[in-house]
Amino acid sequence: MLVLKSMLPFLDKKRSQVHGAVSYLEDKISGDEFIKVLNEAVIAKRRSSSIIGAQMPYTKGRAKGMRNPRPQSRSLKREEVKEAKQKRDTLGLTYRELAKIYGVNAGTIHRAFRLYL
């Protein structure tokens, strides 16, 4: 983005497209508005491409937040594993119940027991 911004003063034909790209990357416009900028350049013969028909109604930041990435997993500290083992033995909690308490996956609890105990 820094390169695009530094290019702006020197551009003539592609200025609107680069400005649109910078605006999209800075979350100032939605993807649809950026596509509109690109399509206007095609119509004005400043861009040798076909009309883009994609729909991107969100800003970059909003779209990035909507992705469903794999949840971040964390490992348990040795003290947490010992505490979880004690709770399992005394209270009879399942791996799933322990996982909810410690905010991890049940498989993480199981692996931690195998590694540390």
N, C-alpha and C. Protein backbone atom coordinates (compact mmCIF):
# COMPACT_ATOMS: atom_id res chain seq x y z
N MET A 1 0.83 -1.18 0.00
CA MET A 1 0.00 0.00 0.00
C MET A 1 0.88 1.25 0.00
N LEU A 2 1.98 1.19 0.69
CA LEU A 2 2.90 2.31 0.74
C LEU A 2 3.41 2.64 -0.66
N VAL A 3 3.71 1.61 -1.44
CA VAL A 3 4.19 1.81 -2.80
C VAL A 3 3.09 2.45 -3.65
N LEU A 4 1.87 1.97 -3.49
CA LEU A 4 0.76 2.55 -4.26
C LEU A 4 0.60 4.03 -3.94
N LYS A 5 0.65 4.37 -2.67
CA LYS A 5 0.51 5.77 -2.26
C LYS A 5 1.64 6.63 -2.82
N SER A 6 2.85 6.09 -2.80
CA SER A 6 3.98 6.88 -3.29
C SER A 6 3.94 7.03 -4.81
N MET A 7 3.25 6.14 -5.51
CA MET A 7 3.12 6.23 -6.96
C MET A 7 2.10 7.27 -7.40
N LEU A 8 1.13 7.57 -6.57
CA LEU A 8 0.01 8.43 -6.97
C LEU A 8 0.42 9.75 -7.63
N PRO A 9 1.39 10.49 -7.10
CA PRO A 9 1.72 11.77 -7.75
C PRO A 9 2.27 11.64 -9.17
N PHE A 10 2.76 10.45 -9.51
CA PHE A 10 3.40 10.26 -10.80
C PHE A 10 2.49 9.58 -11.82
N LEU A 11 1.29 9.26 -11.45
CA LEU A 11 0.40 8.53 -12.34
C LEU A 11 -0.50 9.47 -13.12
N ASP A 12 -0.83 9.03 -14.33
CA ASP A 12 -1.75 9.79 -15.15
C ASP A 12 -2.95 8.91 -15.50
N LYS A 13 -2.71 7.85 -16.25
CA LYS A 13 -3.80 7.01 -16.72
C LYS A 13 -4.40 6.12 -15.62
N LYS A 14 -3.59 5.61 -14.78
CA LYS A 14 -4.05 4.64 -13.77
C LYS A 14 -4.36 5.27 -12.42
N ARG A 15 -4.37 6.58 -12.33
CA ARG A 15 -4.56 7.27 -11.06
C ARG A 15 -5.85 6.83 -10.36
N SER A 16 -6.96 6.79 -11.07
CA SER A 16 -8.23 6.44 -10.43
C SER A 16 -8.22 5.01 -9.91
N GLN A 17 -7.59 4.12 -10.66
CA GLN A 17 -7.54 2.72 -10.24
C GLN A 17 -6.66 2.54 -9.01
N VAL A 18 -5.52 3.20 -8.98
CA VAL A 18 -4.63 3.10 -7.82
C VAL A 18 -5.27 3.77 -6.62
N HIS A 19 -5.91 4.91 -6.84
CA HIS A 19 -6.60 5.59 -5.74
C HIS A 19 -7.71 4.69 -5.19
N GLY A 20 -8.43 4.00 -6.07
CA GLY A 20 -9.47 3.07 -5.64
C GLY A 20 -8.89 1.92 -4.84
N ALA A 21 -7.75 1.40 -5.30
CA ALA A 21 -7.10 0.29 -4.58
C ALA A 21 -6.67 0.73 -3.19
N VAL A 22 -6.08 1.92 -3.10
CA VAL A 22 -5.64 2.44 -1.80
C VAL A 22 -6.85 2.64 -0.88
N SER A 23 -7.91 3.21 -1.43
CA SER A 23 -9.12 3.44 -0.62
C SER A 23 -9.70 2.13 -0.11
N TYR A 24 -9.70 1.10 -0.97
CA TYR A 24 -10.20 -0.20 -0.53
C TYR A 24 -9.31 -0.80 0.56
N LEU A 25 -8.00 -0.73 0.36
CA LEU A 25 -7.08 -1.29 1.35
C LEU A 25 -7.13 -0.55 2.68
N GLU A 26 -7.51 0.72 2.64
CA GLU A 26 -7.63 1.51 3.87
C GLU A 26 -9.04 1.46 4.46
N ASP A 27 -9.90 0.61 3.94
CA ASP A 27 -11.28 0.43 4.42
C ASP A 27 -12.14 1.67 4.23
N LYS A 28 -11.84 2.47 3.22
CA LYS A 28 -12.65 3.67 2.97
C LYS A 28 -13.81 3.37 2.03
N ILE A 29 -13.67 2.36 1.18
CA ILE A 29 -14.74 1.99 0.25
C ILE A 29 -14.93 0.47 0.28
N SER A 30 -16.09 0.05 -0.19
CA SER A 30 -16.38 -1.39 -0.24
C SER A 30 -15.78 -1.99 -1.51
N GLY A 31 -15.80 -3.29 -1.58
CA GLY A 31 -15.32 -3.98 -2.76
C GLY A 31 -16.13 -3.63 -3.99
N ASP A 32 -17.45 -3.46 -3.82
CA ASP A 32 -18.30 -3.07 -4.95
C ASP A 32 -17.91 -1.71 -5.50
N GLU A 33 -17.58 -0.78 -4.60
CA GLU A 33 -17.16 0.56 -5.06
C GLU A 33 -15.82 0.49 -5.78
N PHE A 34 -14.94 -0.37 -5.31
CA PHE A 34 -13.65 -0.55 -5.99
C PHE A 34 -13.85 -1.16 -7.37
N ILE A 35 -14.71 -2.15 -7.47
CA ILE A 35 -15.01 -2.77 -8.77
C ILE A 35 -15.62 -1.74 -9.71
N LYS A 36 -16.46 -0.85 -9.18
CA LYS A 36 -17.05 0.21 -9.99
C LYS A 36 -15.96 1.12 -10.57
N VAL A 37 -14.96 1.44 -9.75
CA VAL A 37 -13.84 2.26 -10.22
C VAL A 37 -13.12 1.56 -11.37
N LEU A 38 -12.87 0.26 -11.21
CA LEU A 38 -12.18 -0.50 -12.26
C LEU A 38 -13.03 -0.58 -13.53
N ASN A 39 -14.33 -0.79 -13.37
CA ASN A 39 -15.22 -0.88 -14.54
C ASN A 39 -15.32 0.46 -15.27
N GLU A 40 -15.32 1.56 -14.51
CA GLU A 40 -15.35 2.88 -15.14
C GLU A 40 -14.11 3.11 -15.99
N ALA A 41 -12.97 2.59 -15.52
CA ALA A 41 -11.73 2.70 -16.30
C ALA A 41 -11.80 1.87 -17.57
N VAL A 42 -12.47 0.71 -17.52
CA VAL A 42 -12.64 -0.11 -18.72
C VAL A 42 -13.51 0.63 -19.72
N ILE A 43 -14.61 1.21 -19.24
CA ILE A 43 -15.53 1.95 -20.12
C ILE A 43 -14.84 3.15 -20.75
N ALA A 44 -13.99 3.82 -19.98
CA ALA A 44 -13.27 4.99 -20.48
C ALA A 44 -12.03 4.61 -21.28
N LYS A 45 -11.82 3.31 -21.51
CA LYS A 45 -10.68 2.79 -22.28
C LYS A 45 -9.33 3.10 -21.62
N ARG A 46 -9.32 3.22 -20.29
CA ARG A 46 -8.07 3.41 -19.58
C ARG A 46 -7.59 2.09 -18.98
N ARG A 47 -8.38 1.06 -19.14
CA ARG A 47 -8.05 -0.26 -18.62
C ARG A 47 -8.42 -1.28 -19.68
N SER A 48 -7.47 -2.14 -20.03
CA SER A 48 -7.73 -3.13 -21.07
C SER A 48 -8.13 -4.45 -20.40
N SER A 49 -9.34 -4.49 -19.98
CA SER A 49 -9.88 -5.67 -19.30
C SER A 49 -11.36 -5.74 -19.62
N SER A 50 -11.98 -6.79 -19.17
CA SER A 50 -13.43 -6.87 -19.34
C SER A 50 -14.11 -6.32 -18.09
N ILE A 51 -15.38 -6.05 -18.22
CA ILE A 51 -16.17 -5.56 -17.09
C ILE A 51 -16.22 -6.65 -16.03
N ILE A 52 -15.99 -6.25 -14.81
CA ILE A 52 -15.99 -7.19 -13.69
C ILE A 52 -17.39 -7.25 -13.10
N GLY A 53 -17.91 -8.46 -12.93
CA GLY A 53 -19.26 -8.62 -12.43
C GLY A 53 -19.33 -9.18 -11.02
N ALA A 54 -18.23 -9.27 -10.33
CA ALA A 54 -18.22 -9.84 -8.98
C ALA A 54 -18.93 -8.94 -8.00
N GLN A 55 -19.41 -9.54 -6.93
CA GLN A 55 -20.06 -8.76 -5.87
C GLN A 55 -19.22 -8.87 -4.60
N MET A 56 -18.79 -7.72 -4.13
CA MET A 56 -17.99 -7.64 -2.90
C MET A 56 -18.55 -6.49 -2.07
N PRO A 57 -19.67 -6.69 -1.38
CA PRO A 57 -20.36 -5.58 -0.73
C PRO A 57 -19.71 -5.06 0.56
N TYR A 58 -18.60 -5.63 0.97
CA TYR A 58 -18.01 -5.24 2.25
C TYR A 58 -16.67 -4.55 2.06
N THR A 59 -16.29 -3.78 3.06
CA THR A 59 -14.95 -3.22 3.08
C THR A 59 -13.98 -4.36 3.38
N LYS A 60 -12.72 -4.12 3.14
CA LYS A 60 -11.72 -5.17 3.35
C LYS A 60 -11.71 -5.63 4.81
N GLY A 61 -11.74 -4.69 5.73
CA GLY A 61 -11.69 -5.05 7.15
C GLY A 61 -12.89 -5.86 7.60
N ARG A 62 -14.05 -5.48 7.10
CA ARG A 62 -15.27 -6.20 7.48
C ARG A 62 -15.28 -7.60 6.89
N ALA A 63 -14.87 -7.71 5.64
CA ALA A 63 -14.82 -9.03 4.99
C ALA A 63 -13.81 -9.93 5.68
N LYS A 64 -12.69 -9.36 6.06
CA LYS A 64 -11.67 -10.14 6.74
C LYS A 64 -12.19 -10.64 8.08
N GLY A 65 -12.98 -9.83 8.76
CA GLY A 65 -13.55 -10.23 10.04
C GLY A 65 -14.64 -11.28 9.91
N MET A 66 -15.23 -11.38 8.72
CA MET A 66 -16.31 -12.34 8.49
C MET A 66 -15.79 -13.72 8.13
N ARG A 67 -14.52 -13.80 7.75
CA ARG A 67 -13.97 -15.13 7.42
C ARG A 67 -14.10 -16.03 8.63
N ASN A 68 -14.17 -17.30 8.36
CA ASN A 68 -14.28 -18.27 9.44
C ASN A 68 -12.96 -19.03 9.56
N PRO A 69 -11.95 -18.37 10.13
CA PRO A 69 -10.67 -19.05 10.22
C PRO A 69 -10.70 -20.15 11.26
N ARG A 70 -9.73 -20.99 11.18
CA ARG A 70 -9.59 -22.04 12.18
C ARG A 70 -9.34 -21.37 13.53
N PRO A 71 -10.08 -21.74 14.55
CA PRO A 71 -9.89 -21.08 15.84
C PRO A 71 -8.49 -21.30 16.38
N GLN A 72 -7.99 -20.29 17.05
CA GLN A 72 -6.67 -20.40 17.65
C GLN A 72 -6.73 -21.37 18.81
N SER A 73 -5.82 -22.30 18.81
CA SER A 73 -5.78 -23.23 19.93
C SER A 73 -4.59 -22.86 20.80
N ARG A 74 -4.71 -23.17 22.04
CA ARG A 74 -3.60 -22.88 22.94
C ARG A 74 -3.23 -24.17 23.65
N SER A 75 -2.03 -24.22 24.13
CA SER A 75 -1.62 -25.39 24.89
C SER A 75 -1.80 -25.09 26.38
N LEU A 76 -1.92 -26.12 27.13
CA LEU A 76 -2.09 -25.97 28.57
C LEU A 76 -0.73 -25.94 29.26
N LYS A 77 -0.64 -25.15 30.29
CA LYS A 77 0.57 -25.12 31.10
C LYS A 77 0.57 -26.35 32.00
N ARG A 78 1.76 -26.73 32.42
CA ARG A 78 1.90 -27.93 33.24
C ARG A 78 1.01 -27.85 34.49
N GLU A 79 0.93 -26.66 35.10
CA GLU A 79 0.09 -26.50 36.31
C GLU A 79 -1.38 -26.71 35.98
N GLU A 80 -1.80 -26.22 34.81
CA GLU A 80 -3.19 -26.41 34.40
C GLU A 80 -3.49 -27.88 34.16
N VAL A 81 -2.54 -28.60 33.61
CA VAL A 81 -2.74 -30.03 33.35
C VAL A 81 -2.90 -30.78 34.67
N LYS A 82 -2.05 -30.46 35.63
CA LYS A 82 -2.14 -31.12 36.93
C LYS A 82 -3.47 -30.80 37.60
N GLU A 83 -3.89 -29.54 37.50
CA GLU A 83 -5.17 -29.12 38.09
C GLU A 83 -6.34 -29.83 37.40
N ALA A 84 -6.27 -29.92 36.06
CA ALA A 84 -7.33 -30.59 35.31
C ALA A 84 -7.40 -32.07 35.67
N LYS A 85 -6.23 -32.69 35.82
CA LYS A 85 -6.19 -34.11 36.20
C LYS A 85 -6.83 -34.32 37.57
N GLN A 86 -6.54 -33.40 38.49
CA GLN A 86 -7.12 -33.49 39.83
C GLN A 86 -8.65 -33.35 39.76
N LYS A 87 -9.12 -32.40 38.95
CA LYS A 87 -10.58 -32.22 38.80
C LYS A 87 -11.22 -33.46 38.17
N ARG A 88 -10.51 -34.05 37.21
CA ARG A 88 -11.05 -35.25 36.56
C ARG A 88 -11.15 -36.39 37.57
N ASP A 89 -10.12 -36.55 38.39
CA ASP A 89 -10.10 -37.65 39.36
C ASP A 89 -11.10 -37.42 40.50
N THR A 90 -11.17 -36.20 41.02
CA THR A 90 -12.03 -35.96 42.19
C THR A 90 -13.48 -35.72 41.82
N LEU A 91 -13.70 -34.98 40.73
CA LEU A 91 -15.08 -34.63 40.36
C LEU A 91 -15.65 -35.51 39.25
N GLY A 92 -14.78 -36.29 38.62
CA GLY A 92 -15.24 -37.16 37.54
C GLY A 92 -15.64 -36.42 36.28
N LEU A 93 -14.98 -35.27 36.02
CA LEU A 93 -15.31 -34.48 34.84
C LEU A 93 -14.79 -35.16 33.57
N THR A 94 -15.52 -34.99 32.47
CA THR A 94 -15.10 -35.55 31.18
C THR A 94 -14.11 -34.60 30.51
N TYR A 95 -13.47 -35.08 29.44
CA TYR A 95 -12.56 -34.23 28.67
C TYR A 95 -13.30 -33.00 28.14
N ARG A 96 -14.51 -33.21 27.68
CA ARG A 96 -15.30 -32.10 27.13
C ARG A 96 -15.61 -31.06 28.20
N GLU A 97 -15.95 -31.49 29.39
CA GLU A 97 -16.24 -30.55 30.48
C GLU A 97 -14.98 -29.80 30.89
N LEU A 98 -13.87 -30.50 30.95
CA LEU A 98 -12.60 -29.84 31.28
C LEU A 98 -12.20 -28.85 30.18
N ALA A 99 -12.47 -29.22 28.95
CA ALA A 99 -12.14 -28.34 27.83
C ALA A 99 -12.89 -27.01 27.94
N LYS A 100 -14.15 -27.07 28.33
CA LYS A 100 -14.93 -25.83 28.50
C LYS A 100 -14.37 -24.98 29.63
N ILE A 101 -13.93 -25.60 30.69
CA ILE A 101 -13.37 -24.86 31.83
C ILE A 101 -12.10 -24.13 31.43
N TYR A 102 -11.23 -24.81 30.68
CA TYR A 102 -9.93 -24.24 30.33
C TYR A 102 -9.90 -23.53 28.97
N GLY A 103 -11.02 -23.54 28.27
CA GLY A 103 -11.10 -22.83 26.99
C GLY A 103 -10.26 -23.45 25.89
N VAL A 104 -10.22 -24.77 25.86
CA VAL A 104 -9.47 -25.48 24.83
C VAL A 104 -10.35 -26.58 24.26
N ASN A 105 -9.82 -27.29 23.30
CA ASN A 105 -10.51 -28.42 22.70
C ASN A 105 -10.34 -29.65 23.59
N ALA A 106 -11.30 -30.54 23.56
CA ALA A 106 -11.22 -31.77 24.36
C ALA A 106 -10.00 -32.60 23.99
N GLY A 107 -9.62 -32.58 22.71
CA GLY A 107 -8.43 -33.30 22.27
C GLY A 107 -7.16 -32.73 22.90
N THR A 108 -7.17 -31.42 23.15
CA THR A 108 -6.02 -30.78 23.79
C THR A 108 -5.85 -31.31 25.21
N ILE A 109 -6.95 -31.48 25.92
CA ILE A 109 -6.91 -32.02 27.28
C ILE A 109 -6.36 -33.45 27.24
N HIS A 110 -6.88 -34.25 26.33
CA HIS A 110 -6.46 -35.65 26.21
C HIS A 110 -4.96 -35.74 25.91
N ARG A 111 -4.47 -34.95 24.93
CA ARG A 111 -3.05 -34.95 24.59
C ARG A 111 -2.18 -34.48 25.73
N ALA A 112 -2.66 -33.47 26.44
CA ALA A 112 -1.89 -32.94 27.57
C ALA A 112 -1.74 -34.00 28.67
N PHE A 113 -2.79 -34.76 28.91
CA PHE A 113 -2.70 -35.83 29.91
C PHE A 113 -1.67 -36.89 29.49
N ARG A 114 -1.66 -37.22 28.20
CA ARG A 114 -0.71 -38.22 27.72
C ARG A 114 0.71 -37.71 27.79
N LEU A 115 0.92 -36.43 27.50
CA LEU A 115 2.29 -35.88 27.47
C LEU A 115 2.85 -35.60 28.85
N TYR A 116 2.03 -35.03 29.72
CA TYR A 116 2.53 -34.56 31.01
C TYR A 116 2.36 -35.55 32.15
N LEU A 117 1.46 -36.47 32.02
CA LEU A 117 1.17 -37.35 33.17
C LEU A 117 1.46 -38.81 32.86
